[in-house]
Amino acid sequence: MAKTVIPYKEQQAGKKEQVARMFDNISPKYDFLNHLLSLGIDIYWRKRAIRLLRSAAPQLILDIATGTGDFAIEALALQPRRVIGVDISEGMLKVGREKIKRMGLESVIELRTGDSERLPFDDNYFDAVIVSFGVRNFEDLAKGLRDMHRVTKPDGTCVVVEFSKPRAFPFKQLYRFYSRAVLPLVGRAVSKDRAAYTYLPESVQAFPDGEDFLRIFKQAGFQSTRCIPLTFGICSIYLGKKPVLKMPPPGRHPVKPSVS
C-alpha cells in the first residue's frame, strides 16, 4: 500500500483538507510557477493528451481537479459542446473563473466546487473524463478512479496526465536533484508556502506510476488501458475505456430458472 503523503505534516487534518488549503495558498502564483518550474513543457503534455481524444470527438467533457482550468481550456481544441471542471480549492477556481471570463469562454466552460472522489454527477454522464496532475492528490486513489468510471459513458474515454519517476541514467539522477533541491527552493520563494513544493516531489515519489497505476486503473473498471511516458519518463499519459454494456440480441432474453 502506498504511503500517504501530506503537505503539512504538523497538522492533524486529513490529506483532502490539507491539499485544498495548500492550493488555496499557492493559487495566485500557481500558473506562473507551473510553467516556470516545468520550463513550459507542461503545456506540451496537456496538448499531447488532448490530441489522443481527437478521434473520439467527445461533446461533454469532465475535467477533474481542474485547478485554474488550463486542461479544460486545452480541451476546447476538440470542439466539445461543454466542458465542466471540478476542484476542491476555491482559491484555484477563483483564478480559473477569472481567466475563463477574460478569454470569453464562459458559455462553454463551467468551473464548479466539487470533490473528485465523490463527483456530483449522474452515472454514465460524460463522453470523456480528463485529469492533469490531480490523481496524485487524491486521498483515496482507487475510490476516485471508481467514481471517474461511474460518471463516464459506456465506450467513453478517461485520460490521466500525471508525474512519474524517470528510471534511466542519467536523467533519473538529474531529475531527483532538481525535484529535491531546485524545485522546493524556487517554489517556496515565489509562493511563500514552505510545504507546497516539498510536497510535490514527495507525492510524486510515493505515487504508484506506470504498470502499478494501470493495475489500479483496471481494477476501477477501465479497459484497453495504456501508458505513454513523456519527456524521459517525467510525465505519463494513461488512457482507459469504459466498456460498452452488453445487451442480449433482439428477441432473445436470458432464461429464468424455474421455481419448483
Protein backbone atom coordinates (compact mmCIF):
# COMPACT_ATOMS: atom_id res chain seq x y z
CA MET A 1 0.00 0.00 0.00
CA ALA A 2 1.36 3.42 -0.99
CA LYS A 3 2.42 5.80 1.76
CA THR A 4 0.07 8.73 2.31
CA VAL A 5 1.95 11.98 1.73
CA ILE A 6 0.52 15.22 3.12
CA PRO A 7 1.70 18.83 2.71
CA TYR A 8 1.54 19.96 6.35
CA LYS A 9 2.96 17.18 8.47
CA GLU A 10 2.49 19.04 11.74
CA GLN A 11 -1.30 19.25 11.26
CA GLN A 12 -3.94 16.65 12.12
CA ALA A 13 -6.27 17.35 9.18
CA GLY A 14 -6.68 14.67 6.52
CA LYS A 15 -4.98 14.78 3.13
CA LYS A 16 -8.03 16.17 1.31
CA GLU A 17 -8.34 19.16 3.63
CA GLN A 18 -4.60 19.83 3.57
CA VAL A 19 -4.41 19.66 -0.23
CA ALA A 20 -7.32 22.10 -0.53
CA ARG A 21 -5.61 24.52 1.85
CA MET A 22 -2.27 24.17 0.05
CA PHE A 23 -3.77 25.02 -3.35
CA ASP A 24 -5.73 27.92 -1.83
CA ASN A 25 -2.41 29.26 -0.53
CA ILE A 26 -0.47 28.98 -3.80
CA SER A 27 -3.32 29.76 -6.24
CA PRO A 28 -2.21 33.37 -7.01
CA LYS A 29 1.21 32.14 -8.21
CA TYR A 30 0.23 28.65 -9.40
CA ASP A 31 0.11 29.23 -13.16
CA PHE A 32 3.37 31.18 -13.16
CA LEU A 33 5.21 28.57 -11.11
CA ASN A 34 3.73 25.68 -13.07
CA HIS A 35 5.13 26.96 -16.36
CA LEU A 36 8.39 28.21 -14.83
CA LEU A 37 9.29 25.02 -12.97
CA SER A 38 8.41 22.77 -15.90
CA LEU A 39 10.11 25.13 -18.39
CA GLY A 40 6.77 25.28 -20.19
CA ILE A 41 6.77 21.56 -21.02
CA ASP A 42 3.51 21.07 -19.07
CA ILE A 43 1.74 22.91 -21.92
CA TYR A 44 3.00 20.33 -24.42
CA TRP A 45 1.97 17.45 -22.12
CA ARG A 46 -1.62 18.69 -21.98
CA LYS A 47 -1.78 19.28 -25.74
CA ARG A 48 -0.48 15.76 -26.39
CA ALA A 49 -3.09 14.26 -24.07
CA ILE A 50 -5.97 16.15 -25.69
CA ARG A 51 -4.85 15.08 -29.18
CA LEU A 52 -5.36 11.46 -28.09
CA LEU A 53 -9.09 12.20 -27.74
CA ARG A 54 -9.49 13.70 -31.21
CA SER A 55 -10.91 10.56 -32.87
CA ALA A 56 -13.50 10.14 -30.08
CA ALA A 57 -14.77 13.74 -30.57
CA PRO A 58 -16.32 13.98 -27.07
CA GLN A 59 -19.08 16.55 -26.72
CA LEU A 60 -19.44 16.62 -22.93
CA ILE A 61 -16.14 16.55 -21.01
CA LEU A 62 -15.41 16.49 -17.28
CA ASP A 63 -12.08 17.94 -16.13
CA ILE A 64 -11.34 16.64 -12.64
CA ALA A 65 -9.08 18.59 -10.25
CA THR A 66 -9.35 21.37 -12.83
CA GLY A 67 -7.41 23.91 -10.74
CA THR A 68 -7.16 27.13 -12.75
CA GLY A 69 -8.74 25.47 -15.80
CA ASP A 70 -5.74 25.00 -18.11
CA PHE A 71 -6.70 21.45 -19.13
CA ALA A 72 -10.35 22.44 -19.58
CA ILE A 73 -9.26 25.27 -21.87
CA GLU A 74 -6.96 22.95 -23.83
CA ALA A 75 -9.88 20.54 -24.30
CA LEU A 76 -11.64 23.17 -26.43
CA ALA A 77 -9.37 22.05 -29.29
CA LEU A 78 -11.78 19.10 -29.55
CA GLN A 79 -14.71 21.48 -30.17
CA PRO A 80 -16.91 20.00 -27.43
CA ARG A 81 -20.37 21.28 -26.63
CA ARG A 82 -19.45 21.78 -22.96
CA VAL A 83 -16.58 21.27 -20.51
CA ILE A 84 -17.23 21.12 -16.76
CA GLY A 85 -14.31 21.41 -14.36
CA VAL A 86 -14.44 20.46 -10.67
CA ASP A 87 -11.97 21.17 -7.88
CA ILE A 88 -11.93 21.31 -4.07
CA SER A 89 -9.85 24.50 -3.93
CA GLU A 90 -11.89 27.68 -4.06
CA GLY A 91 -8.71 29.69 -4.47
CA MET A 92 -7.76 27.83 -7.65
CA LEU A 93 -11.32 28.03 -9.01
CA LYS A 94 -11.40 31.80 -8.42
CA VAL A 95 -8.25 32.23 -10.55
CA GLY A 96 -9.65 29.86 -13.18
CA ARG A 97 -13.02 31.63 -13.43
CA GLU A 98 -11.30 35.00 -13.87
CA LYS A 99 -9.11 33.51 -16.63
CA ILE A 100 -12.11 31.98 -18.41
CA LYS A 101 -14.03 35.25 -18.18
CA ARG A 102 -11.09 37.19 -19.67
CA MET A 103 -10.96 34.71 -22.55
CA GLY A 104 -14.71 34.91 -23.17
CA LEU A 105 -15.21 31.17 -22.65
CA GLU A 106 -17.96 31.21 -20.03
CA SER A 107 -20.55 29.82 -22.45
CA VAL A 108 -18.62 26.57 -22.96
CA ILE A 109 -16.55 26.07 -19.76
CA GLU A 110 -18.05 25.93 -16.28
CA LEU A 111 -15.96 25.50 -13.12
CA ARG A 112 -17.66 24.03 -10.04
CA THR A 113 -16.64 23.28 -6.49
CA GLY A 114 -16.59 19.52 -6.11
CA ASP A 115 -14.92 16.53 -4.50
CA SER A 116 -13.08 14.48 -7.13
CA GLU A 117 -13.71 11.32 -5.11
CA ARG A 118 -17.44 11.96 -4.75
CA LEU A 119 -18.49 13.53 -8.03
CA PRO A 120 -21.87 15.34 -8.08
CA PHE A 121 -22.97 13.85 -11.42
CA ASP A 122 -25.21 11.04 -12.63
CA ASP A 123 -23.88 7.70 -13.79
CA ASN A 124 -22.82 7.39 -17.45
CA TYR A 125 -22.94 11.16 -17.97
CA PHE A 126 -19.71 12.29 -19.71
CA ASP A 127 -18.25 11.33 -23.08
CA ALA A 128 -14.75 11.83 -21.68
CA VAL A 129 -13.22 12.37 -18.26
CA ILE A 130 -9.81 14.07 -18.09
CA VAL A 131 -7.46 14.99 -15.27
CA SER A 132 -3.98 16.52 -15.29
CA PHE A 133 -1.70 16.35 -12.26
CA GLY A 134 -4.64 15.69 -9.94
CA VAL A 135 -5.00 11.98 -9.15
CA ARG A 136 -1.72 12.08 -7.20
CA ASN A 137 -3.51 14.34 -4.72
CA PHE A 138 -6.50 12.04 -4.15
CA GLU A 139 -6.96 10.89 -0.58
CA ASP A 140 -8.17 7.50 -1.86
CA LEU A 141 -6.87 6.86 -5.39
CA ALA A 142 -8.92 3.71 -6.05
CA LYS A 143 -12.13 5.38 -4.86
CA GLY A 144 -11.51 8.42 -7.05
CA LEU A 145 -10.86 6.28 -10.13
CA ARG A 146 -14.02 4.23 -9.50
CA ASP A 147 -16.10 7.42 -9.37
CA MET A 148 -14.48 8.64 -12.60
CA HIS A 149 -15.50 5.33 -14.16
CA ARG A 150 -19.05 5.71 -12.82
CA VAL A 151 -19.69 9.09 -14.48
CA THR A 152 -18.10 8.08 -17.81
CA LYS A 153 -20.47 6.88 -20.53
CA PRO A 154 -20.05 3.35 -21.88
CA ASP A 155 -17.40 3.49 -24.63
CA GLY A 156 -16.23 6.80 -23.15
CA THR A 157 -12.57 7.56 -22.53
CA CYS A 158 -10.62 8.58 -19.44
CA VAL A 159 -7.31 10.41 -19.86
CA VAL A 160 -4.99 10.90 -16.90
CA VAL A 161 -1.84 13.04 -17.09
CA GLU A 162 0.43 12.63 -14.08
CA PHE A 163 4.03 12.98 -12.99
CA SER A 164 6.06 9.78 -12.98
CA LYS A 165 9.55 8.75 -11.99
CA PRO A 166 12.35 8.65 -14.60
CA ARG A 167 14.26 5.38 -14.40
CA ALA A 168 17.12 5.74 -16.90
CA PHE A 169 20.59 7.08 -16.12
CA PRO A 170 21.46 9.96 -16.03
CA PHE A 171 18.01 11.55 -16.20
CA LYS A 172 16.88 9.74 -13.06
CA GLN A 173 19.69 11.35 -11.07
CA LEU A 174 19.28 14.81 -12.65
CA TYR A 175 15.53 14.81 -12.04
CA ARG A 176 15.99 13.71 -8.42
CA PHE A 177 18.42 16.60 -7.79
CA TYR A 178 16.12 19.11 -9.49
CA SER A 179 12.97 17.95 -7.68
CA ARG A 180 14.61 17.78 -4.25
CA ALA A 181 16.87 20.84 -4.33
CA VAL A 182 15.86 23.36 -7.01
CA LEU A 183 12.09 22.96 -7.16
CA PRO A 184 11.35 23.40 -3.41
CA LEU A 185 13.70 26.39 -3.18
CA VAL A 186 12.16 28.28 -6.11
CA GLY A 187 8.61 27.25 -5.24
CA ARG A 188 8.98 28.37 -1.63
CA ALA A 189 10.48 31.72 -2.61
CA VAL A 190 7.73 32.57 -5.09
CA SER A 191 4.64 31.02 -3.47
CA LYS A 192 5.60 31.81 0.17
CA ASP A 193 4.27 28.36 1.16
CA ARG A 194 7.13 26.37 2.69
CA ALA A 195 5.38 23.00 2.38
CA ALA A 196 3.76 23.07 -1.07
CA TYR A 197 6.80 22.50 -3.27
CA THR A 198 8.32 20.00 -0.86
CA TYR A 199 5.05 18.05 -1.01
CA LEU A 200 5.25 17.91 -4.82
CA PRO A 201 8.38 15.71 -5.16
CA GLU A 202 7.36 13.65 -2.13
CA SER A 203 3.94 12.93 -3.62
CA VAL A 204 5.50 12.02 -6.99
CA GLN A 205 7.87 9.60 -5.28
CA ALA A 206 5.01 7.92 -3.40
CA PHE A 207 2.64 7.73 -6.38
CA PRO A 208 2.13 4.29 -7.99
CA ASP A 209 3.10 5.14 -11.56
CA GLY A 210 3.46 3.07 -14.74
CA GLU A 211 2.25 -0.52 -14.50
CA ASP A 212 1.28 -0.01 -10.85
CA PHE A 213 -1.14 2.73 -11.82
CA LEU A 214 -2.50 0.71 -14.76
CA ARG A 215 -3.34 -2.13 -12.37
CA ILE A 216 -5.42 0.19 -10.16
CA PHE A 217 -6.94 1.80 -13.28
CA LYS A 218 -8.11 -1.62 -14.49
CA GLN A 219 -9.46 -2.55 -11.07
CA ALA A 220 -11.60 0.61 -11.21
CA GLY A 221 -13.28 -0.84 -14.32
CA PHE A 222 -11.39 0.69 -17.24
CA GLN A 223 -10.32 -1.48 -20.17
CA SER A 224 -7.93 -1.13 -23.12
CA THR A 225 -5.62 0.75 -20.76
CA ARG A 226 -2.21 2.00 -21.78
CA CYS A 227 0.59 4.22 -20.54
CA ILE A 228 2.50 6.70 -22.69
CA PRO A 229 5.69 8.01 -20.98
CA LEU A 230 6.75 11.54 -21.96
CA THR A 231 9.98 13.56 -21.61
CA PHE A 232 12.26 10.76 -20.38
CA GLY A 233 9.56 9.49 -18.02
CA ILE A 234 8.97 12.70 -16.04
CA CYS A 235 5.31 12.56 -17.03
CA SER A 236 2.97 9.82 -18.25
CA ILE A 237 -0.39 9.81 -20.02
CA TYR A 238 -2.75 6.99 -19.05
CA LEU A 239 -5.75 6.07 -21.18
CA GLY A 240 -8.67 3.79 -20.43
CA LYS A 241 -12.06 3.00 -21.96
CA LYS A 242 -15.29 2.24 -20.14
CA PRO A 243 -16.63 -0.97 -21.66
CA VAL A 244 -19.88 -0.94 -23.63
CA LEU A 245 -22.79 -2.55 -21.83
CA LYS A 246 -23.54 -5.92 -23.39
CA MET A 247 -27.19 -6.37 -24.32
CA PRO A 248 -28.88 -9.64 -25.34
CA PRO A 249 -29.69 -9.95 -29.07
CA PRO A 250 -33.16 -8.67 -30.14
CA GLY A 251 -35.90 -11.18 -29.38
CA ARG A 252 -33.70 -13.18 -27.03
CA HIS A 253 -33.80 -12.87 -23.27
CA PRO A 254 -31.96 -14.69 -20.52
CA VAL A 255 -33.84 -17.80 -19.39
CA LYS A 256 -35.06 -17.52 -15.82
CA PRO A 257 -34.54 -20.58 -13.65
CA SER A 258 -37.75 -22.44 -12.88
CA VAL A 259 -39.05 -22.43 -9.34
CA SER A 260 -40.13 -25.84 -8.10
